Amino acid sequence: MHMGTMDASSSLHAAQDQERSLSGYRAQMPLNHDVLCLIASSLPISDLLSMMRTCRDIHAFGVGRLLSSGIHLRNNAIAGFCRFVLRDAHTRLPALRKLSFSIDAYTYCAPDANSLTPSIDLLIQLLSQASQLHTLSISHFADLVQLGSQRMVSSFSGLFGLKVLCVHDVDVNGREVFHHMHQLTSVEVHFSTFDEVDPLPMFASSSATLEVLRVLRCSFRQLTTVQFSGVGVLQLDPSDYVEAAPLLEAFPNLHTLQTVAARIPSDYPSRLQAFHEGNHVFHTRRSWTQLRAVKGDIISLYALALVHPVRSLSIARSQRNNPRITPDIFSVVLSSLRPSHLAVDLDTSDFNFETYCTIPDVVQGVTHFSVRLVSSGYTGSTLLTLFKSVIVTHLVIEILIYGSRASLFLYDNTRPSLVGMSQESFVGLLATSITALQFIAIRRGDGTSMYWSVARRNGIATSETLSDADGRRIMETEDLTFWDPPLSRENEAEASRYWLA
């Protein structure tokens, strides 16, 4: 018994000695902070959120990365987030580089609009100190100005480092916020009405630095003394046809132009020809000889009457209505711009689809042809004919299929079919019959996607199924991009617990 007690005591002392030894070893070799941060910097957000629970240093590092990766706030998260950042403003505000928030007074606050007052006060305090903020996106801007009044407008004067600004729902109130910003390089503004306004004076403060300007639901109609010589990318979503003179005076160095009509005037097509002729006369005297990329619906491009060749032409579908166009209008646009790279956004439910199918008859000199097809009910033979008839050296196809009625391929006997074959058979047929085909993507409304890369060996075409990552990479190269938020929605709820009070 005594001997057993001695053995147990010896074992206990030995274990204690070993523990002290290991403790000393750990004290001499602490975890390297730089190595941990390097590991954390390469992790996906979801894994980073888990790693932030391990130690205080990684938690602090992770908070900084979350703040810098892009934050989107809704009404109920704004107050907690602002408190969290302002609690340690010295270290957290510099990390906040991209911020997006939405305040909808009518949806979230009815019937008590005063419930947002604390959030508005904290947001004003945050913005007035966010001098290093790089990117800012605001939805329901009119509600924000209404709730915050002049204090909210004044808070924007502290955004000295702001470069990228996107603002939705801008009306007659609060437009002076743009006058406080002098270093903007990219601006996107969505006006709330089709009222006749001249937006160019709003951006005069950043005329020396502005490079990208997107103005939706508004047209430029007045000549201006302010010249935005650095703007290379201009996007318009006009309420009427676009006039050439104001654009050429204000933006003499455009290389990319996008114009898609927000709505077609009720007196179409009687005014269309007059705009075309007037703009054409102006363009023959002066034009954008450096213009390289153009995107727009056919009606808008015809009215603008561009006359110089471009490298890239993208034909977009009208978003709000599809007036009938004639093959002559379609032919004038393509023959005037003479692109080498042509991208077409088609919808088989559009009654202009027959006109778009005349592309093989009117294109000349096109080497790269990309088709984004929304299929909702058309004969497979017509689609195949369109793809096979264009004589190019590089063909990229993206097909989007929405709803059960839009099933392009034969999956089973219960679902309608346009082509009457499987996806693999369809891709194989295209790869065999179209020597220019390089890549094809087939995406469905439920989020599933398939990608194929076509290779030719010894004159035999073979299609290789790509992974989602490789397929997305090729689509980005071809400017057929997916949109993913910097901080995905599935991680928003998890991340918000770090700043919700």
Protein backbone atom coordinates (compact mmCIF):
# COMPACT_ATOMS: atom_id res chain seq x y z
CA MET A 1 0.00 0.00 0.00
CA HIS A 2 2.81 2.34 0.96
CA MET A 3 4.72 1.35 -2.14
CA GLY A 4 1.64 2.06 -4.32
CA THR A 5 1.27 5.47 -2.73
CA MET A 6 4.92 6.26 -3.42
CA ASP A 7 4.56 5.23 -7.07
CA ALA A 8 1.48 7.41 -7.50
CA SER A 9 3.21 10.34 -5.84
CA SER A 10 6.26 9.94 -8.06
CA SER A 11 4.11 9.82 -11.15
CA LEU A 12 2.30 12.97 -10.07
CA HIS A 13 5.55 14.83 -9.45
CA ALA A 14 6.87 13.68 -12.80
CA ALA A 15 3.75 14.93 -14.56
CA GLN A 16 4.02 18.28 -12.77
CA ASP A 17 7.67 18.61 -13.73
CA GLN A 18 6.82 17.86 -17.35
CA GLU A 19 4.01 20.44 -17.32
CA ARG A 20 6.36 23.09 -15.89
CA SER A 21 8.90 22.20 -18.54
CA LEU A 22 6.36 22.54 -21.32
CA SER A 23 5.10 25.81 -19.85
CA GLY A 24 8.62 27.16 -19.91
CA TYR A 25 9.04 25.98 -23.50
CA ARG A 26 5.84 27.74 -24.51
CA ALA A 27 6.96 30.89 -22.71
CA GLN A 28 10.21 30.84 -24.63
CA MET A 29 8.52 30.18 -28.01
CA PRO A 30 5.31 32.23 -28.28
CA LEU A 31 3.10 32.08 -31.34
CA ASN A 32 4.43 34.39 -34.01
CA HIS A 33 1.91 37.19 -34.51
CA ASP A 34 3.03 37.93 -38.06
CA VAL A 35 2.65 34.30 -39.10
CA LEU A 36 -0.86 34.14 -37.65
CA CYS A 37 -1.89 37.33 -39.43
CA LEU A 38 -0.38 36.08 -42.66
CA ILE A 39 -2.44 32.89 -42.39
CA ALA A 40 -5.57 34.83 -41.51
CA SER A 41 -5.10 37.23 -44.43
CA SER A 42 -5.36 34.37 -46.92
CA LEU A 43 -8.47 32.77 -45.42
CA PRO A 44 -11.99 33.13 -46.82
CA ILE A 45 -14.23 35.35 -44.76
CA SER A 46 -16.17 32.38 -43.38
CA ASP A 47 -12.96 30.75 -42.07
CA LEU A 48 -11.63 34.06 -40.80
CA LEU A 49 -14.74 34.50 -38.68
CA SER A 50 -14.05 31.14 -37.05
CA MET A 51 -10.37 31.91 -36.49
CA MET A 52 -11.23 35.23 -34.85
CA ARG A 53 -12.50 33.24 -31.85
CA THR A 54 -9.05 31.78 -31.12
CA CYS A 55 -7.17 34.74 -29.64
CA ARG A 56 -7.32 38.46 -29.05
CA ASP A 57 -4.67 39.34 -31.65
CA ILE A 58 -6.42 37.45 -34.45
CA HIS A 59 -9.74 38.95 -33.38
CA ALA A 60 -8.31 42.46 -33.76
CA PHE A 61 -6.70 41.58 -37.08
CA GLY A 62 -9.91 39.98 -38.34
CA VAL A 63 -11.99 43.02 -37.44
CA GLY A 64 -9.66 45.18 -39.49
CA ARG A 65 -9.95 42.85 -42.47
CA LEU A 66 -13.74 42.74 -42.20
CA LEU A 67 -13.87 46.52 -42.18
CA SER A 68 -11.56 46.80 -45.20
CA SER A 69 -13.26 44.05 -47.24
CA GLY A 70 -16.50 45.98 -47.75
CA ILE A 71 -19.43 46.44 -45.38
CA HIS A 72 -23.11 46.60 -46.31
CA LEU A 73 -25.51 47.82 -43.63
CA ARG A 74 -29.28 47.72 -43.42
CA ASN A 75 -31.44 49.81 -41.14
CA ASN A 76 -31.28 47.56 -38.11
CA ALA A 77 -27.48 47.19 -38.18
CA ILE A 78 -26.40 50.80 -38.71
CA ALA A 79 -26.53 51.96 -35.08
CA GLY A 80 -24.64 48.93 -33.71
CA PHE A 81 -21.98 49.15 -36.41
CA CYS A 82 -21.39 52.87 -35.84
CA ARG A 83 -21.05 52.35 -32.08
CA PHE A 84 -18.58 49.53 -32.66
CA VAL A 85 -16.36 51.60 -34.97
CA LEU A 86 -16.55 54.81 -32.92
CA ARG A 87 -15.71 52.91 -29.71
CA ASP A 88 -12.16 52.53 -31.05
CA ALA A 89 -12.21 55.15 -33.80
CA HIS A 90 -8.43 55.62 -33.76
CA THR A 91 -7.73 52.10 -35.05
CA ARG A 92 -11.01 51.09 -36.69
CA LEU A 93 -11.91 54.13 -38.78
CA PRO A 94 -8.69 53.95 -40.89
CA ALA A 95 -9.52 50.30 -41.69
CA LEU A 96 -12.99 51.22 -42.98
CA ARG A 97 -12.42 51.60 -46.72
CA LYS A 98 -15.66 50.44 -48.38
CA LEU A 99 -19.08 51.19 -46.94
CA SER A 100 -22.55 50.58 -48.34
CA PHE A 101 -25.75 51.28 -46.47
CA SER A 102 -29.47 51.54 -47.07
CA ILE A 103 -32.00 53.57 -45.07
CA ASP A 104 -35.59 53.23 -46.21
CA ALA A 105 -37.72 55.36 -43.91
CA TYR A 106 -41.02 54.10 -45.30
CA THR A 107 -40.39 50.36 -45.35
CA TYR A 108 -38.61 49.92 -42.04
CA CYS A 109 -39.84 52.80 -39.90
CA ALA A 110 -43.57 53.04 -40.55
CA PRO A 111 -45.47 54.21 -38.65
CA ASP A 112 -42.74 55.61 -36.36
CA ALA A 113 -40.13 57.34 -38.52
CA ASN A 114 -38.42 58.72 -35.40
CA SER A 115 -37.07 55.25 -34.58
CA LEU A 116 -34.19 55.89 -36.96
CA THR A 117 -33.04 59.07 -35.21
CA PRO A 118 -30.29 57.34 -33.15
CA SER A 119 -28.99 55.58 -36.27
CA ILE A 120 -28.94 58.84 -38.22
CA ASP A 121 -27.07 60.67 -35.44
CA LEU A 122 -24.45 57.93 -35.20
CA LEU A 123 -24.09 57.74 -38.98
CA ILE A 124 -23.49 61.49 -39.17
CA GLN A 125 -20.83 61.16 -36.49
CA LEU A 126 -19.16 58.29 -38.36
CA LEU A 127 -19.15 59.95 -41.80
CA SER A 128 -17.83 63.24 -40.45
CA GLN A 129 -14.71 61.39 -39.22
CA ALA A 130 -14.25 58.87 -42.05
CA SER A 131 -11.60 60.89 -43.87
CA GLN A 132 -9.92 57.72 -45.22
CA LEU A 133 -13.07 56.15 -46.63
CA HIS A 134 -12.40 55.14 -50.24
CA THR A 135 -15.74 53.78 -51.54
CA LEU A 136 -19.25 54.78 -50.49
CA SER A 137 -22.60 53.46 -51.76
CA ILE A 138 -25.93 54.86 -50.57
CA SER A 139 -29.43 53.61 -51.35
CA HIS A 140 -32.54 55.71 -50.68
CA PHE A 141 -30.48 58.90 -50.58
CA ALA A 142 -33.61 61.08 -50.53
CA ASP A 143 -34.79 59.39 -47.31
CA LEU A 144 -31.34 59.86 -45.78
CA VAL A 145 -31.33 63.61 -46.48
CA GLN A 146 -34.91 63.95 -45.27
CA LEU A 147 -34.12 62.24 -41.96
CA GLY A 148 -30.73 63.88 -41.37
CA SER A 149 -31.46 67.30 -42.91
CA GLN A 150 -28.54 69.71 -43.28
CA ARG A 151 -26.43 67.91 -40.68
CA MET A 152 -26.31 64.87 -42.92
CA VAL A 153 -25.31 66.95 -45.96
CA SER A 154 -22.56 68.67 -43.98
CA SER A 155 -21.13 65.37 -42.74
CA PHE A 156 -19.99 64.53 -46.27
CA SER A 157 -17.55 67.44 -46.21
CA GLY A 158 -15.20 65.29 -44.10
CA LEU A 159 -14.80 62.59 -46.74
CA PHE A 160 -11.51 63.94 -48.04
CA GLY A 161 -10.21 60.60 -49.30
CA LEU A 162 -13.38 59.43 -51.05
CA LYS A 163 -12.69 58.18 -54.59
CA VAL A 164 -15.73 56.07 -55.55
CA LEU A 165 -19.30 57.18 -54.91
CA CYS A 166 -22.59 55.48 -55.85
CA VAL A 167 -25.86 57.17 -54.88
CA HIS A 168 -29.39 55.96 -55.58
CA ASP A 169 -32.64 57.92 -55.43
CA VAL A 170 -31.34 61.46 -55.84
CA ASP A 171 -33.99 64.18 -56.11
CA VAL A 172 -33.89 67.97 -55.84
CA ASN A 173 -32.74 67.83 -52.20
CA GLY A 174 -29.22 67.17 -51.02
CA ARG A 175 -27.44 67.56 -54.33
CA GLU A 176 -24.91 69.91 -52.74
CA VAL A 177 -23.15 66.91 -51.17
CA PHE A 178 -21.30 66.49 -54.45
CA HIS A 179 -19.81 69.97 -54.10
CA HIS A 180 -17.92 68.85 -50.97
CA MET A 181 -16.00 66.15 -52.85
CA HIS A 182 -12.98 67.15 -54.90
CA GLN A 183 -11.09 63.89 -55.45
CA LEU A 184 -13.73 61.57 -56.90
CA THR A 185 -12.53 59.27 -59.67
CA SER A 186 -15.75 57.25 -60.17
CA VAL A 187 -19.34 58.43 -59.70
CA GLU A 188 -22.65 56.65 -60.26
CA VAL A 189 -25.89 58.56 -59.64
CA HIS A 190 -29.43 57.25 -60.03
CA PHE A 191 -31.98 60.04 -60.18
CA SER A 192 -35.40 59.35 -58.71
CA THR A 193 -37.44 61.11 -61.39
CA PHE A 194 -37.30 61.91 -65.07
CA ASP A 195 -37.42 65.65 -64.32
CA GLU A 196 -35.42 67.86 -66.64
CA VAL A 197 -32.17 68.52 -64.77
CA ASP A 198 -28.64 69.33 -65.83
CA PRO A 199 -26.46 67.05 -63.69
CA LEU A 200 -23.05 68.23 -64.92
CA PRO A 201 -22.70 71.18 -62.48
CA MET A 202 -23.14 68.69 -59.64
CA PHE A 203 -19.83 67.04 -60.49
CA ALA A 204 -17.82 70.18 -61.34
CA SER A 205 -15.80 69.94 -58.09
CA SER A 206 -14.26 66.66 -59.29
CA SER A 207 -13.87 67.63 -62.94
CA ALA A 208 -10.07 67.39 -62.69
CA THR A 209 -10.00 63.87 -61.20
CA LEU A 210 -13.13 62.15 -62.53
CA GLU A 211 -12.47 59.15 -64.77
CA VAL A 212 -15.75 57.18 -64.71
CA LEU A 213 -19.23 58.73 -64.71
CA ARG A 214 -22.51 56.82 -64.71
CA VAL A 215 -25.70 58.88 -64.73
CA LEU A 216 -29.02 57.05 -64.85
CA ARG A 217 -32.50 58.44 -65.52
CA CYS A 218 -31.15 61.74 -66.76
CA SER A 219 -29.97 63.28 -70.05
CA PHE A 220 -27.36 65.89 -70.88
CA ARG A 221 -29.04 68.63 -72.91
CA GLN A 222 -27.16 71.85 -72.21
CA LEU A 223 -23.70 72.83 -73.34
CA THR A 224 -21.39 73.37 -70.39
CA THR A 225 -18.25 75.38 -69.76
CA VAL A 226 -16.98 72.63 -67.45
CA GLN A 227 -14.96 70.02 -69.32
CA PHE A 228 -14.36 66.55 -67.91
CA SER A 229 -11.29 65.79 -69.97
CA GLY A 230 -10.26 62.84 -67.77
CA VAL A 231 -13.53 60.93 -68.09
CA GLY A 232 -12.94 57.88 -70.25
CA VAL A 233 -16.04 55.87 -69.30
CA LEU A 234 -19.53 57.35 -69.55
CA GLN A 235 -22.79 55.48 -68.93
CA LEU A 236 -26.22 56.98 -69.57
CA ASP A 237 -29.68 55.65 -68.84
CA PRO A 238 -31.49 58.59 -70.42
CA SER A 239 -35.14 59.50 -70.31
CA ASP A 240 -34.99 60.59 -73.95
CA TYR A 241 -32.76 60.32 -77.00
CA VAL A 242 -29.20 61.52 -76.45
CA GLU A 243 -27.87 64.64 -78.15
CA ALA A 244 -24.29 64.56 -79.35
CA ALA A 245 -23.26 68.20 -78.87
CA PRO A 246 -23.39 68.40 -75.04
CA LEU A 247 -21.60 65.06 -74.71
CA LEU A 248 -18.77 66.00 -77.04
CA GLU A 249 -18.29 69.37 -75.37
CA ALA A 250 -18.20 67.96 -71.83
CA PHE A 251 -16.41 64.64 -72.48
CA PRO A 252 -13.94 65.05 -75.35
CA ASN A 253 -11.78 62.01 -74.51
CA LEU A 254 -14.22 59.14 -74.11
CA HIS A 255 -12.99 55.65 -74.88
CA THR A 256 -16.05 53.77 -73.54
CA LEU A 257 -19.67 54.82 -73.94
CA GLN A 258 -22.78 53.03 -72.72
CA THR A 259 -26.28 54.29 -73.37
CA VAL A 260 -29.45 52.29 -72.79
CA ALA A 261 -32.77 54.11 -72.99
CA ALA A 262 -34.72 54.09 -69.74
CA ARG A 263 -37.90 54.57 -71.73
CA ILE A 264 -38.76 55.20 -75.34
CA PRO A 265 -40.71 58.45 -75.96
CA SER A 266 -44.35 58.04 -76.95
CA ASP A 267 -43.79 59.76 -80.31
CA TYR A 268 -41.32 57.13 -81.48
CA PRO A 269 -40.44 56.63 -84.29
CA SER A 270 -41.28 60.05 -85.74
CA ARG A 271 -38.60 61.87 -83.70
CA LEU A 272 -36.01 59.14 -84.04
CA GLN A 273 -35.00 60.03 -87.58
CA ALA A 274 -34.71 63.73 -86.72
CA PHE A 275 -32.35 62.96 -83.83
CA HIS A 276 -30.35 60.63 -86.02
CA GLU A 277 -29.89 63.23 -88.75
CA GLY A 278 -29.08 66.07 -86.33
CA ASN A 279 -26.53 64.04 -84.39
CA HIS A 280 -25.02 62.68 -87.60
CA VAL A 281 -24.39 66.20 -88.90
CA PHE A 282 -22.67 67.14 -85.66
CA HIS A 283 -20.58 63.96 -85.63
CA THR A 284 -19.30 64.58 -89.16
CA ARG A 285 -17.79 67.85 -87.91
CA ARG A 286 -16.50 66.50 -84.60
CA SER A 287 -16.46 63.06 -83.07
CA TRP A 288 -14.76 60.73 -80.61
CA THR A 289 -12.02 59.35 -82.78
CA GLN A 290 -10.54 57.59 -79.71
CA LEU A 291 -13.79 55.80 -78.84
CA ARG A 292 -13.03 52.08 -78.60
CA ALA A 293 -15.92 50.41 -76.77
CA VAL A 294 -19.65 51.13 -77.14
CA LYS A 295 -22.60 49.44 -75.49
CA GLY A 296 -26.26 50.31 -75.94
CA ASP A 297 -29.63 49.36 -77.28
CA ILE A 298 -30.08 49.79 -81.02
CA ILE A 299 -32.57 52.67 -80.72
CA SER A 300 -30.24 54.79 -78.58
CA LEU A 301 -27.19 54.08 -80.73
CA TYR A 302 -29.10 54.88 -83.91
CA ALA A 303 -30.28 58.21 -82.48
CA LEU A 304 -26.78 59.12 -81.32
CA ALA A 305 -25.50 58.36 -84.83
CA LEU A 306 -21.90 57.42 -84.11
CA VAL A 307 -19.82 57.42 -87.28
CA HIS A 308 -16.35 56.09 -86.41
CA PRO A 309 -15.25 52.45 -86.19
CA VAL A 310 -14.89 50.95 -82.71
CA ARG A 311 -13.06 47.90 -81.48
CA SER A 312 -15.90 46.59 -79.32
CA LEU A 313 -19.67 46.90 -79.73
CA SER A 314 -22.11 45.41 -77.23
CA ILE A 315 -25.79 45.36 -78.12
CA ALA A 316 -27.92 45.41 -74.98
CA ARG A 317 -31.54 44.53 -74.51
CA SER A 318 -33.82 47.41 -73.54
CA GLN A 319 -34.70 46.98 -69.90
CA ARG A 320 -38.14 48.55 -69.81
CA ASN A 321 -39.67 48.18 -73.23
CA ASN A 322 -38.78 46.73 -76.60
CA PRO A 323 -40.03 48.89 -79.46
CA ARG A 324 -39.97 47.23 -82.81
CA ILE A 325 -36.92 48.05 -84.88
CA THR A 326 -36.31 47.51 -88.56
CA PRO A 327 -33.39 45.65 -90.12
CA ASP A 328 -32.34 48.94 -91.74
CA ILE A 329 -31.79 50.63 -88.36
CA PHE A 330 -29.90 47.60 -87.14
CA SER A 331 -27.75 47.58 -90.27
CA VAL A 332 -26.91 51.30 -90.01
CA VAL A 333 -25.56 50.93 -86.48
CA LEU A 334 -23.34 47.96 -87.30
CA SER A 335 -22.09 49.33 -90.62
CA SER A 336 -21.25 52.70 -89.05
CA LEU A 337 -19.29 51.34 -86.09
CA ARG A 338 -17.73 48.35 -87.90
CA PRO A 339 -16.61 46.53 -84.73
CA SER A 340 -14.04 43.77 -84.64
CA HIS A 341 -15.48 42.48 -81.34
CA LEU A 342 -19.25 42.11 -81.23
CA ALA A 343 -21.27 41.07 -78.18
CA VAL A 344 -25.04 40.63 -78.40
CA ASP A 345 -27.48 40.28 -75.50
CA LEU A 346 -30.53 38.47 -76.89
CA ASP A 347 -33.88 37.41 -75.51
CA THR A 348 -35.81 34.90 -77.56
CA SER A 349 -39.09 36.38 -76.27
CA ASP A 350 -38.25 39.76 -77.81
CA PHE A 351 -40.20 40.28 -81.01
CA ASN A 352 -37.07 41.90 -82.49
CA PHE A 353 -35.28 38.56 -82.29
CA GLU A 354 -35.86 37.96 -86.00
CA THR A 355 -34.07 41.23 -86.76
CA TYR A 356 -31.13 40.31 -84.53
CA CYS A 357 -30.86 37.02 -86.36
CA THR A 358 -29.83 38.99 -89.46
CA ILE A 359 -26.43 39.59 -87.83
CA PRO A 360 -24.65 37.22 -90.24
CA ASP A 361 -25.90 39.32 -93.16
CA VAL A 362 -24.76 42.73 -91.88
CA VAL A 363 -21.54 42.20 -89.92
CA GLN A 364 -18.26 42.63 -91.70
CA GLY A 365 -14.80 42.31 -90.23
CA VAL A 366 -15.98 40.83 -86.92
CA THR A 367 -13.38 38.45 -85.54
CA HIS A 368 -14.72 37.93 -81.99
CA PHE A 369 -18.41 37.25 -81.44
CA SER A 370 -20.00 36.78 -78.00
CA VAL A 371 -23.65 35.88 -77.52
CA ARG A 372 -25.54 36.11 -74.23
CA LEU A 373 -28.85 34.41 -74.88
CA VAL A 374 -31.86 34.45 -72.56
CA SER A 375 -33.95 31.56 -73.83
CA SER A 376 -37.68 31.61 -73.17
CA GLY A 377 -39.24 29.90 -76.14
CA TYR A 378 -37.72 29.72 -79.62
CA THR A 379 -36.99 27.00 -82.09
CA GLY A 380 -33.66 25.31 -81.67
CA SER A 381 -32.99 25.33 -85.41
CA THR A 382 -33.05 29.15 -85.50
CA LEU A 383 -30.62 29.38 -82.59
CA LEU A 384 -28.25 26.90 -84.18
CA THR A 385 -28.45 28.75 -87.48
CA LEU A 386 -27.57 32.03 -85.79
CA PHE A 387 -24.52 30.55 -84.09
CA LYS A 388 -23.32 28.66 -87.17
CA SER A 389 -23.83 31.43 -89.74
CA VAL A 390 -21.52 34.09 -88.32
CA ILE A 391 -18.12 33.75 -89.92
CA VAL A 392 -15.66 34.73 -87.19
CA THR A 393 -12.44 33.41 -85.68
CA HIS A 394 -13.51 33.46 -82.02
CA LEU A 395 -16.99 32.61 -80.73
CA VAL A 396 -18.16 32.70 -77.11
CA ILE A 397 -21.70 31.71 -76.11
CA GLU A 398 -23.47 32.21 -72.82
CA ILE A 399 -27.02 30.87 -72.50
CA LEU A 400 -29.27 31.80 -69.59
CA ILE A 401 -32.35 29.67 -69.06
CA TYR A 402 -35.11 30.87 -66.74
CA GLY A 403 -38.21 28.96 -65.63
CA SER A 404 -39.59 25.60 -66.70
CA ARG A 405 -41.03 27.04 -69.92
CA ALA A 406 -37.57 28.25 -70.86
CA SER A 407 -36.00 24.81 -70.88
CA LEU A 408 -33.73 24.77 -73.89
CA PHE A 409 -32.62 21.19 -73.53
CA LEU A 410 -34.25 17.82 -73.12
CA TYR A 411 -33.97 16.72 -69.48
CA ASP A 412 -36.93 14.36 -69.21
CA ASN A 413 -40.28 13.74 -70.86
CA THR A 414 -42.15 16.05 -68.50
CA ARG A 415 -40.25 19.22 -69.44
CA PRO A 416 -40.61 21.06 -72.76
CA SER A 417 -37.66 21.15 -75.09
CA LEU A 418 -36.56 23.57 -77.78
CA VAL A 419 -33.56 21.73 -79.12
CA GLY A 420 -34.59 18.22 -78.13
CA MET A 421 -31.17 17.07 -76.99
CA SER A 422 -29.04 17.02 -73.87
CA GLN A 423 -26.67 19.84 -72.97
CA GLU A 424 -23.69 17.65 -73.77
CA SER A 425 -25.06 16.72 -77.19
CA PHE A 426 -25.87 20.36 -77.96
CA VAL A 427 -22.36 21.48 -77.02
CA GLY A 428 -20.85 18.63 -78.98
CA LEU A 429 -22.85 19.55 -82.07
CA LEU A 430 -21.75 23.18 -81.85
CA ALA A 431 -18.12 22.25 -81.25
CA THR A 432 -18.12 19.98 -84.29
CA SER A 433 -19.89 22.32 -86.68
CA ILE A 434 -18.48 25.72 -85.59
CA THR A 435 -14.72 25.92 -85.86
CA ALA A 436 -14.69 29.35 -84.18
CA LEU A 437 -16.36 28.18 -80.96
CA GLN A 438 -13.99 28.59 -77.99
CA PHE A 439 -16.17 28.61 -74.90
CA ILE A 440 -19.79 28.03 -73.95
CA ALA A 441 -21.58 28.56 -70.64
CA ILE A 442 -25.10 27.38 -69.85
CA ARG A 443 -26.63 28.90 -66.72
CA ARG A 444 -30.01 28.19 -65.19
CA GLY A 445 -32.28 30.34 -63.06
CA ASP A 446 -31.74 28.07 -60.06
CA GLY A 447 -28.07 29.08 -59.93
CA THR A 448 -26.58 25.96 -61.51
CA SER A 449 -24.06 26.48 -64.29
CA MET A 450 -22.05 24.36 -66.68
CA TYR A 451 -18.99 25.44 -68.65
CA TRP A 452 -17.24 23.91 -71.62
CA SER A 453 -13.95 24.79 -73.27
CA VAL A 454 -13.58 23.59 -76.85
CA ALA A 455 -10.26 22.22 -78.10
CA ARG A 456 -9.32 20.85 -81.53
CA ARG A 457 -6.70 18.16 -81.96
CA ASN A 458 -5.92 16.62 -85.34
CA GLY A 459 -8.96 18.38 -86.77
CA ILE A 460 -11.32 16.77 -84.24
CA ALA A 461 -13.26 19.02 -81.88
CA THR A 462 -13.58 17.93 -78.26
CA SER A 463 -15.34 19.76 -75.44
CA GLU A 464 -13.98 19.68 -71.90
CA THR A 465 -16.23 20.38 -68.92
CA LEU A 466 -14.70 23.07 -66.71
CA SER A 467 -14.94 23.58 -62.98
CA ASP A 468 -16.96 26.47 -61.64
CA ALA A 469 -13.79 28.44 -60.79
CA ASP A 470 -12.25 27.97 -64.25
CA GLY A 471 -15.55 28.75 -65.95
CA ARG A 472 -16.00 31.98 -64.01
CA ARG A 473 -12.42 32.98 -64.77
CA ILE A 474 -12.98 32.62 -68.51
CA MET A 475 -16.30 34.48 -68.29
CA GLU A 476 -14.56 37.37 -66.56
CA THR A 477 -11.98 37.42 -69.35
CA GLU A 478 -14.81 37.62 -71.87
CA ASP A 479 -16.59 40.30 -69.80
CA LEU A 480 -19.41 37.88 -68.96
CA THR A 481 -19.12 38.45 -65.23
CA PHE A 482 -20.89 37.15 -62.18
CA TRP A 483 -21.60 39.63 -59.42
CA ASP A 484 -20.68 38.67 -55.87
CA PRO A 485 -20.71 41.12 -52.94
CA PRO A 486 -17.39 41.64 -51.11
CA LEU A 487 -18.94 40.25 -47.93
CA SER A 488 -21.43 37.60 -48.95
CA ARG A 489 -24.90 37.56 -47.44
CA GLU A 490 -24.33 34.23 -45.73
CA ASN A 491 -21.43 35.80 -43.83
CA GLU A 492 -23.17 39.10 -43.07
CA ALA A 493 -25.18 37.77 -40.12
CA GLU A 494 -22.11 36.09 -38.63
CA ALA A 495 -19.90 39.15 -39.12
CA SER A 496 -22.51 41.57 -37.74
CA ARG A 497 -22.26 40.03 -34.27
CA TYR A 498 -18.86 41.71 -33.92
CA TRP A 499 -20.37 45.19 -34.10
CA LEU A 500 -24.01 44.82 -33.12
CA ALA A 501 -24.40 46.33 -29.64
